[in-house]
Amino acid sequence: MSAYAIRDARLGTGQTNTHLYFRRYLPHDWRLTADIVREHGHGDNGFMVLGWSANLDIDWHRWFVLVARDPHANYTPDRQFRLAGGLRF
């Protein structure tokens, strides 16, 4: 488990993403990873963002499935839901 923050000070928007990252290895070569993110700051158009996003990733050998939810994609009012799957190489 780890916690860290990423702060973008380039444009004076105060954008900060604080992550709580957790990875757990499970029996039979399964692995579970969760990343909970607290988003805070202003978007380019002055839109104030204050919310949470989440990513959940499950792996088995080289295969993976990722589900992610972000209610403020790229610090905009746009919501984003991602579902991905594939093969790691």
PDB file of N, CA and C in Angstrom:
ATOM      1  N   MET A   1       0.852  -1.163   0.000  1.00  0.00           N
ATOM      2  CA  MET A   1       0.000   0.000   0.000  1.00  0.00           C
ATOM      3  C   MET A   1       0.895   1.222   0.000  1.00  0.00           C
ATOM      4  N   SER A   2       0.490   2.233  -0.739  1.00  0.00           N
ATOM      5  CA  SER A   2       1.231   3.488  -0.741  1.00  0.00           C
ATOM      6  C   SER A   2       0.259   4.646  -0.914  1.00  0.00           C
ATOM      7  N   ALA A   3       0.702   5.803  -0.492  1.00  0.00           N
ATOM      8  CA  ALA A   3      -0.064   7.028  -0.664  1.00  0.00           C
ATOM      9  C   ALA A   3       0.896   8.088  -1.187  1.00  0.00           C
ATOM     10  N   TYR A   4       0.440   8.865  -2.163  1.00  0.00           N
ATOM     11  CA  TYR A   4       1.276   9.925  -2.722  1.00  0.00           C
ATOM     12  C   TYR A   4       0.386  10.974  -3.374  1.00  0.00           C
ATOM     13  N   ALA A   5       0.927  12.151  -3.593  1.00  0.00           N
ATOM     14  CA  ALA A   5       0.189  13.234  -4.233  1.00  0.00           C
ATOM     15  C   ALA A   5       0.982  13.763  -5.410  1.00  0.00           C
ATOM     16  N   ILE A   6       0.264  14.135  -6.451  1.00  0.00           N
ATOM     17  CA  ILE A   6       0.842  14.771  -7.627  1.00  0.00           C
ATOM     18  C   ILE A   6       0.212  16.149  -7.737  1.00  0.00           C
ATOM     19  N   ARG A   7       1.035  17.173  -7.736  1.00  0.00           N
ATOM     20  CA  ARG A   7       0.546  18.557  -7.803  1.00  0.00           C
ATOM     21  C   ARG A   7       1.075  19.209  -9.077  1.00  0.00           C
ATOM     22  N   ASP A   8       0.169  19.810  -9.826  1.00  0.00           N
ATOM     23  CA  ASP A   8       0.531  20.494 -11.062  1.00  0.00           C
ATOM     24  C   ASP A   8       0.487  21.997 -10.799  1.00  0.00           C
ATOM     25  N   ALA A   9       1.652  22.621 -10.741  1.00  0.00           N
ATOM     26  CA  ALA A   9       1.739  24.055 -10.433  1.00  0.00           C
ATOM     27  C   ALA A   9       2.077  24.892 -11.665  1.00  0.00           C
ATOM     28  N   ARG A  10       2.039  24.305 -12.854  1.00  0.00           N
ATOM     29  CA  ARG A  10       2.456  25.023 -14.061  1.00  0.00           C
ATOM     30  C   ARG A  10       1.558  26.195 -14.400  1.00  0.00           C
ATOM     31  N   LEU A  11       0.244  26.049 -14.241  1.00  0.00           N
ATOM     32  CA  LEU A  11      -0.687  27.091 -14.686  1.00  0.00           C
ATOM     33  C   LEU A  11      -1.385  27.799 -13.526  1.00  0.00           C
ATOM     34  N   GLY A  12      -0.975  27.520 -12.311  1.00  0.00           N
ATOM     35  CA  GLY A  12      -1.578  28.151 -11.151  1.00  0.00           C
ATOM     36  C   GLY A  12      -2.994  27.682 -10.861  1.00  0.00           C
ATOM     37  N   THR A  13      -3.337  26.469 -11.290  1.00  0.00           N
ATOM     38  CA  THR A  13      -4.691  25.944 -11.099  1.00  0.00           C
ATOM     39  C   THR A  13      -4.845  25.188  -9.780  1.00  0.00           C
ATOM     40  N   GLY A  14      -3.739  24.873  -9.125  1.00  0.00           N
ATOM     41  CA  GLY A  14      -3.797  24.138  -7.860  1.00  0.00           C
ATOM     42  C   GLY A  14      -4.260  22.700  -7.997  1.00  0.00           C
ATOM     43  N   GLN A  15      -4.111  22.129  -9.178  1.00  0.00           N
ATOM     44  CA  GLN A  15      -4.556  20.755  -9.396  1.00  0.00           C
ATOM     45  C   GLN A  15      -3.688  19.791  -8.582  1.00  0.00           C
ATOM     46  N   THR A  16      -4.359  18.998  -7.745  1.00  0.00           N
ATOM     47  CA  THR A  16      -3.669  18.010  -6.924  1.00  0.00           C
ATOM     48  C   THR A  16      -4.444  16.702  -6.966  1.00  0.00           C
ATOM     49  N   ASN A  17      -3.769  15.627  -7.289  1.00  0.00           N
ATOM     50  CA  ASN A  17      -4.335  14.288  -7.240  1.00  0.00           C
ATOM     51  C   ASN A  17      -3.618  13.521  -6.129  1.00  0.00           C
ATOM     52  N   THR A  18      -4.367  13.138  -5.111  1.00  0.00           N
ATOM     53  CA  THR A  18      -3.822  12.372  -4.000  1.00  0.00           C
ATOM     54  C   THR A  18      -4.279  10.927  -4.152  1.00  0.00           C
ATOM     55  N   HIS A  19      -3.325  10.010  -4.246  1.00  0.00           N
ATOM     56  CA  HIS A  19      -3.602   8.601  -4.519  1.00  0.00           C
ATOM     57  C   HIS A  19      -3.444   7.756  -3.265  1.00  0.00           C
ATOM     58  N   LEU A  20      -4.332   6.786  -3.121  1.00  0.00           N
ATOM     59  CA  LEU A  20      -4.160   5.686  -2.187  1.00  0.00           C
ATOM     60  C   LEU A  20      -4.116   4.439  -3.058  1.00  0.00           C
ATOM     61  N   TYR A  21      -2.952   3.819  -3.114  1.00  0.00           N
ATOM     62  CA  TYR A  21      -2.674   2.737  -4.045  1.00  0.00           C
ATOM     63  C   TYR A  21      -2.481   1.455  -3.252  1.00  0.00           C
ATOM     64  N   PHE A  22      -3.186   0.397  -3.651  1.00  0.00           N
ATOM     65  CA  PHE A  22      -3.131  -0.873  -2.933  1.00  0.00           C
ATOM     66  C   PHE A  22      -2.984  -2.001  -3.937  1.00  0.00           C
ATOM     67  N   ARG A  23      -2.030  -2.888  -3.693  1.00  0.00           N
ATOM     68  CA  ARG A  23      -1.843  -4.062  -4.549  1.00  0.00           C
ATOM     69  C   ARG A  23      -1.773  -5.295  -3.662  1.00  0.00           C
ATOM     70  N   ARG A  24      -2.498  -6.319  -4.064  1.00  0.00           N
ATOM     71  CA  ARG A  24      -2.529  -7.562  -3.297  1.00  0.00           C
ATOM     72  C   ARG A  24      -2.341  -8.739  -4.240  1.00  0.00           C
ATOM     73  N   TYR A  25      -1.377  -9.591  -3.912  1.00  0.00           N
ATOM     74  CA  TYR A  25      -1.159 -10.809  -4.667  1.00  0.00           C
ATOM     75  C   TYR A  25      -2.044 -11.894  -4.080  1.00  0.00           C
ATOM     76  N   LEU A  26      -2.746 -12.620  -4.927  1.00  0.00           N
ATOM     77  CA  LEU A  26      -3.694 -13.643  -4.523  1.00  0.00           C
ATOM     78  C   LEU A  26      -3.208 -15.008  -4.986  1.00  0.00           C
ATOM     79  N   PRO A  27      -3.789 -16.084  -4.444  1.00  0.00           N
ATOM     80  CA  PRO A  27      -3.371 -17.424  -4.872  1.00  0.00           C
ATOM     81  C   PRO A  27      -3.591 -17.660  -6.365  1.00  0.00           C
ATOM     82  N   HIS A  28      -2.871 -18.611  -6.901  1.00  0.00           N
ATOM     83  CA  HIS A  28      -3.001 -19.065  -8.299  1.00  0.00           C
ATOM     84  C   HIS A  28      -2.672 -17.968  -9.302  1.00  0.00           C
ATOM     85  N   ASP A  29      -1.667 -17.146  -8.995  1.00  0.00           N
ATOM     86  CA  ASP A  29      -1.153 -16.116  -9.898  1.00  0.00           C
ATOM     87  C   ASP A  29      -2.137 -14.986 -10.208  1.00  0.00           C
ATOM     88  N   TRP A  30      -3.084 -14.719  -9.328  1.00  0.00           N
ATOM     89  CA  TRP A  30      -3.987 -13.579  -9.465  1.00  0.00           C
ATOM     90  C   TRP A  30      -3.400 -12.394  -8.717  1.00  0.00           C
ATOM     91  N   ARG A  31      -3.701 -11.191  -9.193  1.00  0.00           N
ATOM     92  CA  ARG A  31      -3.257  -9.966  -8.534  1.00  0.00           C
ATOM     93  C   ARG A  31      -4.359  -8.914  -8.656  1.00  0.00           C
ATOM     94  N   LEU A  32      -4.607  -8.212  -7.565  1.00  0.00           N
ATOM     95  CA  LEU A  32      -5.628  -7.175  -7.514  1.00  0.00           C
ATOM     96  C   LEU A  32      -4.959  -5.845  -7.187  1.00  0.00           C
ATOM     97  N   THR A  33      -5.283  -4.798  -7.954  1.00  0.00           N
ATOM     98  CA  THR A  33      -4.726  -3.470  -7.725  1.00  0.00           C
ATOM     99  C   THR A  33      -5.870  -2.459  -7.693  1.00  0.00           C
ATOM    100  N   ALA A  34      -5.878  -1.618  -6.673  1.00  0.00           N
ATOM    101  CA  ALA A  34      -6.876  -0.557  -6.558  1.00  0.00           C
ATOM    102  C   ALA A  34      -6.149   0.774  -6.394  1.00  0.00           C
ATOM    103  N   ASP A  35      -6.652   1.795  -7.052  1.00  0.00           N
ATOM    104  CA  ASP A  35      -6.097   3.143  -6.953  1.00  0.00           C
ATOM    105  C   ASP A  35      -7.272   4.096  -6.745  1.00  0.00           C
ATOM    106  N   ILE A  36      -7.373   4.657  -5.548  1.00  0.00           N
ATOM    107  CA  ILE A  36      -8.411   5.618  -5.209  1.00  0.00           C
ATOM    108  C   ILE A  36      -7.756   7.004  -5.240  1.00  0.00           C
ATOM    109  N   VAL A  37      -8.367   7.946  -5.957  1.00  0.00           N
ATOM    110  CA  VAL A  37      -7.746   9.255  -6.185  1.00  0.00           C
ATOM    111  C   VAL A  37      -8.686  10.374  -5.731  1.00  0.00           C
ATOM    112  N   ARG A  38      -8.156  11.287  -4.941  1.00  0.00           N
ATOM    113  CA  ARG A  38      -8.867  12.504  -4.547  1.00  0.00           C
ATOM    114  C   ARG A  38      -8.390  13.623  -5.474  1.00  0.00           C
ATOM    115  N   GLU A  39      -9.308  14.177  -6.267  1.00  0.00           N
ATOM    116  CA  GLU A  39      -8.975  15.228  -7.228  1.00  0.00           C
ATOM    117  C   GLU A  39      -9.402  16.573  -6.665  1.00  0.00           C
ATOM    118  N   HIS A  40      -8.506  17.560  -6.739  1.00  0.00           N
ATOM    119  CA  HIS A  40      -8.808  18.885  -6.207  1.00  0.00           C
ATOM    120  C   HIS A  40      -8.079  19.936  -7.029  1.00  0.00           C
ATOM    121  N   GLY A  41      -8.775  20.989  -7.430  1.00  0.00           N
ATOM    122  CA  GLY A  41      -8.155  22.087  -8.168  1.00  0.00           C
ATOM    123  C   GLY A  41      -9.081  22.631  -9.228  1.00  0.00           C
ATOM    124  N   HIS A  42      -8.600  23.599  -9.987  1.00  0.00           N
ATOM    125  CA  HIS A  42      -9.374  24.245 -11.047  1.00  0.00           C
ATOM    126  C   HIS A  42      -8.947  23.714 -12.411  1.00  0.00           C
ATOM    127  N   GLY A  43      -9.924  23.579 -13.294  1.00  0.00           N
ATOM    128  CA  GLY A  43      -9.638  23.235 -14.678  1.00  0.00           C
ATOM    129  C   GLY A  43      -9.174  24.471 -15.436  1.00  0.00           C
ATOM    130  N   ASP A  44      -8.834  24.294 -16.700  1.00  0.00           N
ATOM    131  CA  ASP A  44      -8.363  25.406 -17.527  1.00  0.00           C
ATOM    132  C   ASP A  44      -9.402  26.522 -17.653  1.00  0.00           C
ATOM    133  N   ASN A  45     -10.687  26.170 -17.615  1.00  0.00           N
ATOM    134  CA  ASN A  45     -11.757  27.162 -17.778  1.00  0.00           C
ATOM    135  C   ASN A  45     -12.247  27.714 -16.432  1.00  0.00           C
ATOM    136  N   GLY A  46     -11.528  27.427 -15.333  1.00  0.00           N
ATOM    137  CA  GLY A  46     -11.907  27.903 -14.012  1.00  0.00           C
ATOM    138  C   GLY A  46     -12.851  26.993 -13.264  1.00  0.00           C
ATOM    139  N   PHE A  47     -13.303  25.905 -13.889  1.00  0.00           N
ATOM    140  CA  PHE A  47     -14.195  24.939 -13.260  1.00  0.00           C
ATOM    141  C   PHE A  47     -13.508  24.317 -12.044  1.00  0.00           C
ATOM    142  N   MET A  48     -14.145  24.386 -10.882  1.00  0.00           N
ATOM    143  CA  MET A  48     -13.562  23.826  -9.661  1.00  0.00           C
ATOM    144  C   MET A  48     -13.888  22.347  -9.563  1.00  0.00           C
ATOM    145  N   VAL A  49     -12.848  21.538  -9.390  1.00  0.00           N
ATOM    146  CA  VAL A  49     -12.996  20.095  -9.266  1.00  0.00           C
ATOM    147  C   VAL A  49     -12.703  19.702  -7.830  1.00  0.00           C
ATOM    148  N   LEU A  50     -13.598  18.934  -7.260  1.00  0.00           N
ATOM    149  CA  LEU A  50     -13.414  18.360  -5.937  1.00  0.00           C
ATOM    150  C   LEU A  50     -14.160  17.045  -5.951  1.00  0.00           C
ATOM    151  N   GLY A  51     -13.440  15.940  -6.087  1.00  0.00           N
ATOM    152  CA  GLY A  51     -14.112  14.661  -6.203  1.00  0.00           C
ATOM    153  C   GLY A  51     -13.160  13.494  -6.077  1.00  0.00           C
ATOM    154  N   TRP A  52     -13.711  12.326  -6.297  1.00  0.00           N
ATOM    155  CA  TRP A  52     -12.974  11.067  -6.174  1.00  0.00           C
ATOM    156  C   TRP A  52     -13.059  10.286  -7.475  1.00  0.00           C
ATOM    157  N   SER A  53     -11.979   9.623  -7.842  1.00  0.00           N
ATOM    158  CA  SER A  53     -12.004   8.677  -8.951  1.00  0.00           C
ATOM    159  C   SER A  53     -11.421   7.364  -8.451  1.00  0.00           C
ATOM    160  N   ALA A  54     -11.683   6.301  -9.195  1.00  0.00           N
ATOM    161  CA  ALA A  54     -11.229   4.985  -8.754  1.00  0.00           C
ATOM    162  C   ALA A  54     -10.867   4.115  -9.950  1.00  0.00           C
ATOM    163  N   ASN A  55      -9.832   3.295  -9.767  1.00  0.00           N
ATOM    164  CA  ASN A  55      -9.402   2.306 -10.753  1.00  0.00           C
ATOM    165  C   ASN A  55      -9.279   0.967 -10.057  1.00  0.00           C
ATOM    166  N   LEU A  56      -9.761  -0.078 -10.686  1.00  0.00           N
ATOM    167  CA  LEU A  56      -9.615  -1.436 -10.171  1.00  0.00           C
ATOM    168  C   LEU A  56      -9.073  -2.298 -11.297  1.00  0.00           C
ATOM    169  N   ASP A  57      -8.005  -2.998 -11.025  1.00  0.00           N
ATOM    170  CA  ASP A  57      -7.300  -3.793 -12.023  1.00  0.00           C
ATOM    171  C   ASP A  57      -7.121  -5.200 -11.461  1.00  0.00           C
ATOM    172  N   ILE A  58      -7.503  -6.206 -12.237  1.00  0.00           N
ATOM    173  CA  ILE A  58      -7.277  -7.586 -11.825  1.00  0.00           C
ATOM    174  C   ILE A  58      -6.457  -8.286 -12.912  1.00  0.00           C
ATOM    175  N   ASP A  59      -5.428  -8.978 -12.463  1.00  0.00           N
ATOM    176  CA  ASP A  59      -4.504  -9.654 -13.385  1.00  0.00           C
ATOM    177  C   ASP A  59      -4.485 -11.148 -13.098  1.00  0.00           C
ATOM    178  N   TRP A  60      -4.288 -11.916 -14.141  1.00  0.00           N
ATOM    179  CA  TRP A  60      -4.053 -13.348 -14.021  1.00  0.00           C
ATOM    180  C   TRP A  60      -3.008 -13.709 -15.070  1.00  0.00           C
ATOM    181  N   HIS A  61      -1.855 -14.127 -14.602  1.00  0.00           N
ATOM    182  CA  HIS A  61      -0.694 -14.367 -15.466  1.00  0.00           C
ATOM    183  C   HIS A  61      -0.419 -13.090 -16.266  1.00  0.00           C
ATOM    184  N   ARG A  62      -0.561 -13.138 -17.587  1.00  0.00           N
ATOM    185  CA  ARG A  62      -0.310 -11.949 -18.417  1.00  0.00           C
ATOM    186  C   ARG A  62      -1.591 -11.222 -18.793  1.00  0.00           C
ATOM    187  N   TRP A  63      -2.762 -11.747 -18.454  1.00  0.00           N
ATOM    188  CA  TRP A  63      -4.044 -11.157 -18.810  1.00  0.00           C
ATOM    189  C   TRP A  63      -4.478 -10.141 -17.760  1.00  0.00           C
ATOM    190  N   PHE A  64      -5.222  -9.113 -18.192  1.00  0.00           N
ATOM    191  CA  PHE A  64      -5.718  -8.128 -17.233  1.00  0.00           C
ATOM    192  C   PHE A  64      -7.081  -7.576 -17.666  1.00  0.00           C
ATOM    193  N   VAL A  65      -7.815  -7.092 -16.673  1.00  0.00           N
ATOM    194  CA  VAL A  65      -9.051  -6.344 -16.884  1.00  0.00           C
ATOM    195  C   VAL A  65      -8.979  -5.125 -15.975  1.00  0.00           C
ATOM    196  N   LEU A  66      -9.296  -3.960 -16.518  1.00  0.00           N
ATOM    197  CA  LEU A  66      -9.241  -2.703 -15.779  1.00  0.00           C
ATOM    198  C   LEU A  66     -10.601  -2.016 -15.884  1.00  0.00           C
ATOM    199  N   VAL A  67     -11.118  -1.567 -14.743  1.00  0.00           N
ATOM    200  CA  VAL A  67     -12.345  -0.778 -14.687  1.00  0.00           C
ATOM    201  C   VAL A  67     -11.992   0.523 -13.981  1.00  0.00           C
ATOM    202  N   ALA A  68     -12.373   1.663 -14.569  1.00  0.00           N
ATOM    203  CA  ALA A  68     -12.034   2.961 -13.982  1.00  0.00           C
ATOM    204  C   ALA A  68     -13.220   3.911 -14.118  1.00  0.00           C
ATOM    205  N   ARG A  69     -13.366   4.759 -13.104  1.00  0.00           N
ATOM    206  CA  ARG A  69     -14.422   5.770 -13.087  1.00  0.00           C
ATOM    207  C   ARG A  69     -13.801   7.106 -12.698  1.00  0.00           C
ATOM    208  N   ASP A  70     -14.052   8.137 -13.506  1.00  0.00           N
ATOM    209  CA  ASP A  70     -13.512   9.466 -13.223  1.00  0.00           C
ATOM    210  C   ASP A  70     -14.616  10.494 -13.478  1.00  0.00           C
ATOM    211  N   PRO A  71     -15.185  11.101 -12.415  1.00  0.00           N
ATOM    212  CA  PRO A  71     -16.279  12.049 -12.612  1.00  0.00           C
ATOM    213  C   PRO A  71     -15.833  13.411 -13.143  1.00  0.00           C
ATOM    214  N   HIS A  72     -14.511  13.648 -13.235  1.00  0.00           N
ATOM    215  CA  HIS A  72     -13.989  14.930 -13.730  1.00  0.00           C
ATOM    216  C   HIS A  72     -12.780  14.671 -14.629  1.00  0.00           C
ATOM    217  N   ALA A  73     -13.011  14.047 -15.772  1.00  0.00           N
ATOM    218  CA  ALA A  73     -11.918  13.674 -16.666  1.00  0.00           C
ATOM    219  C   ALA A  73     -11.138  14.918 -17.100  1.00  0.00           C
ATOM    220  N   ASN A  74      -9.841  14.896 -16.897  1.00  0.00           N
ATOM    221  CA  ASN A  74      -8.943  15.993 -17.271  1.00  0.00           C
ATOM    222  C   ASN A  74      -9.371  17.342 -16.690  1.00  0.00           C
ATOM    223  N   TYR A  75      -9.901  17.306 -15.475  1.00  0.00           N
ATOM    224  CA  TYR A  75     -10.329  18.525 -14.769  1.00  0.00           C
ATOM    225  C   TYR A  75     -11.380  19.303 -15.560  1.00  0.00           C
ATOM    226  N   THR A  76     -12.358  18.573 -16.084  1.00  0.00           N
ATOM    227  CA  THR A  76     -13.508  19.151 -16.773  1.00  0.00           C
ATOM    228  C   THR A  76     -14.775  18.594 -16.124  1.00  0.00           C
ATOM    229  N   PRO A  77     -15.950  19.099 -16.479  1.00  0.00           N
ATOM    230  CA  PRO A  77     -17.192  18.519 -15.948  1.00  0.00           C
ATOM    231  C   PRO A  77     -17.530  17.166 -16.588  1.00  0.00           C
ATOM    232  N   ASP A  78     -16.741  16.713 -17.553  1.00  0.00           N
ATOM    233  CA  ASP A  78     -17.012  15.463 -18.260  1.00  0.00           C
ATOM    234  C   ASP A  78     -16.728  14.257 -17.370  1.00  0.00           C
ATOM    235  N   ARG A  79     -17.647  13.305 -17.410  1.00  0.00           N
ATOM    236  CA  ARG A  79     -17.464  12.053 -16.680  1.00  0.00           C
ATOM    237  C   ARG A  79     -16.873  11.012 -17.627  1.00  0.00           C
ATOM    238  N   GLN A  80     -16.084  10.111 -17.067  1.00  0.00           N
ATOM    239  CA  GLN A  80     -15.460   9.090 -17.901  1.00  0.00           C
ATOM    240  C   GLN A  80     -15.520   7.754 -17.188  1.00  0.00           C
ATOM    241  N   PHE A  81     -15.907   6.729 -17.925  1.00  0.00           N
ATOM    242  CA  PHE A  81     -15.890   5.353 -17.450  1.00  0.00           C
ATOM    243  C   PHE A  81     -15.048   4.568 -18.434  1.00  0.00           C
ATOM    244  N   ARG A  82     -14.064   3.833 -17.932  1.00  0.00           N
ATOM    245  CA  ARG A  82     -13.187   3.073 -18.806  1.00  0.00           C
ATOM    246  C   ARG A  82     -13.255   1.593 -18.442  1.00  0.00           C
ATOM    247  N   LEU A  83     -13.282   0.760 -19.451  1.00  0.00           N
ATOM    248  CA  LEU A  83     -13.195  -0.686 -19.300  1.00  0.00           C
ATOM    249  C   LEU A  83     -12.177  -1.165 -20.312  1.00  0.00           C
ATOM    250  N   ALA A  84     -11.162  -1.835 -19.829  1.00  0.00           N
ATOM    251  CA  ALA A  84     -10.096  -2.295 -20.725  1.00  0.00           C
ATOM    252  C   ALA A  84      -9.716  -3.721 -20.355  1.00  0.00           C
ATOM    253  N   GLY A  85      -9.231  -4.428 -21.305  1.00  0.00           N
ATOM    254  CA  GLY A  85      -8.735  -5.774 -21.087  1.00  0.00           C
ATOM    255  C   GLY A  85      -7.665  -6.065 -22.097  1.00  0.00           C
ATOM    256  N   GLY A  86      -6.799  -6.992 -21.748  1.00  0.00           N
ATOM    257  CA  GLY A  86      -5.750  -7.307 -22.704  1.00  0.00           C
ATOM    258  C   GLY A  86      -4.693  -8.230 -22.148  1.00  0.00           C
ATOM    259  N   LEU A  87      -3.578  -8.211 -22.810  1.00  0.00           N
ATOM    260  CA  LEU A  87      -2.438  -9.065 -22.527  1.00  0.00           C
ATOM    261  C   LEU A  87      -1.211  -8.201 -22.285  1.00  0.00           C
ATOM    262  N   ARG A  88      -0.588  -8.395 -21.142  1.00  0.00           N
ATOM    263  CA  ARG A  88       0.642  -7.650 -20.848  1.00  0.00           C
ATOM    264  C   ARG A  88       1.810  -8.328 -21.560  1.00  0.00           C
ATOM    265  N   PHE A  89       2.760  -7.531 -22.014  1.00  0.00           N
ATOM    266  CA  PHE A  89       3.932  -8.097 -22.691  1.00  0.00           C
ATOM    267  C   PHE A  89       5.199  -7.538 -22.141  1.00  0.00           C
TER     268      PHE A  89
END
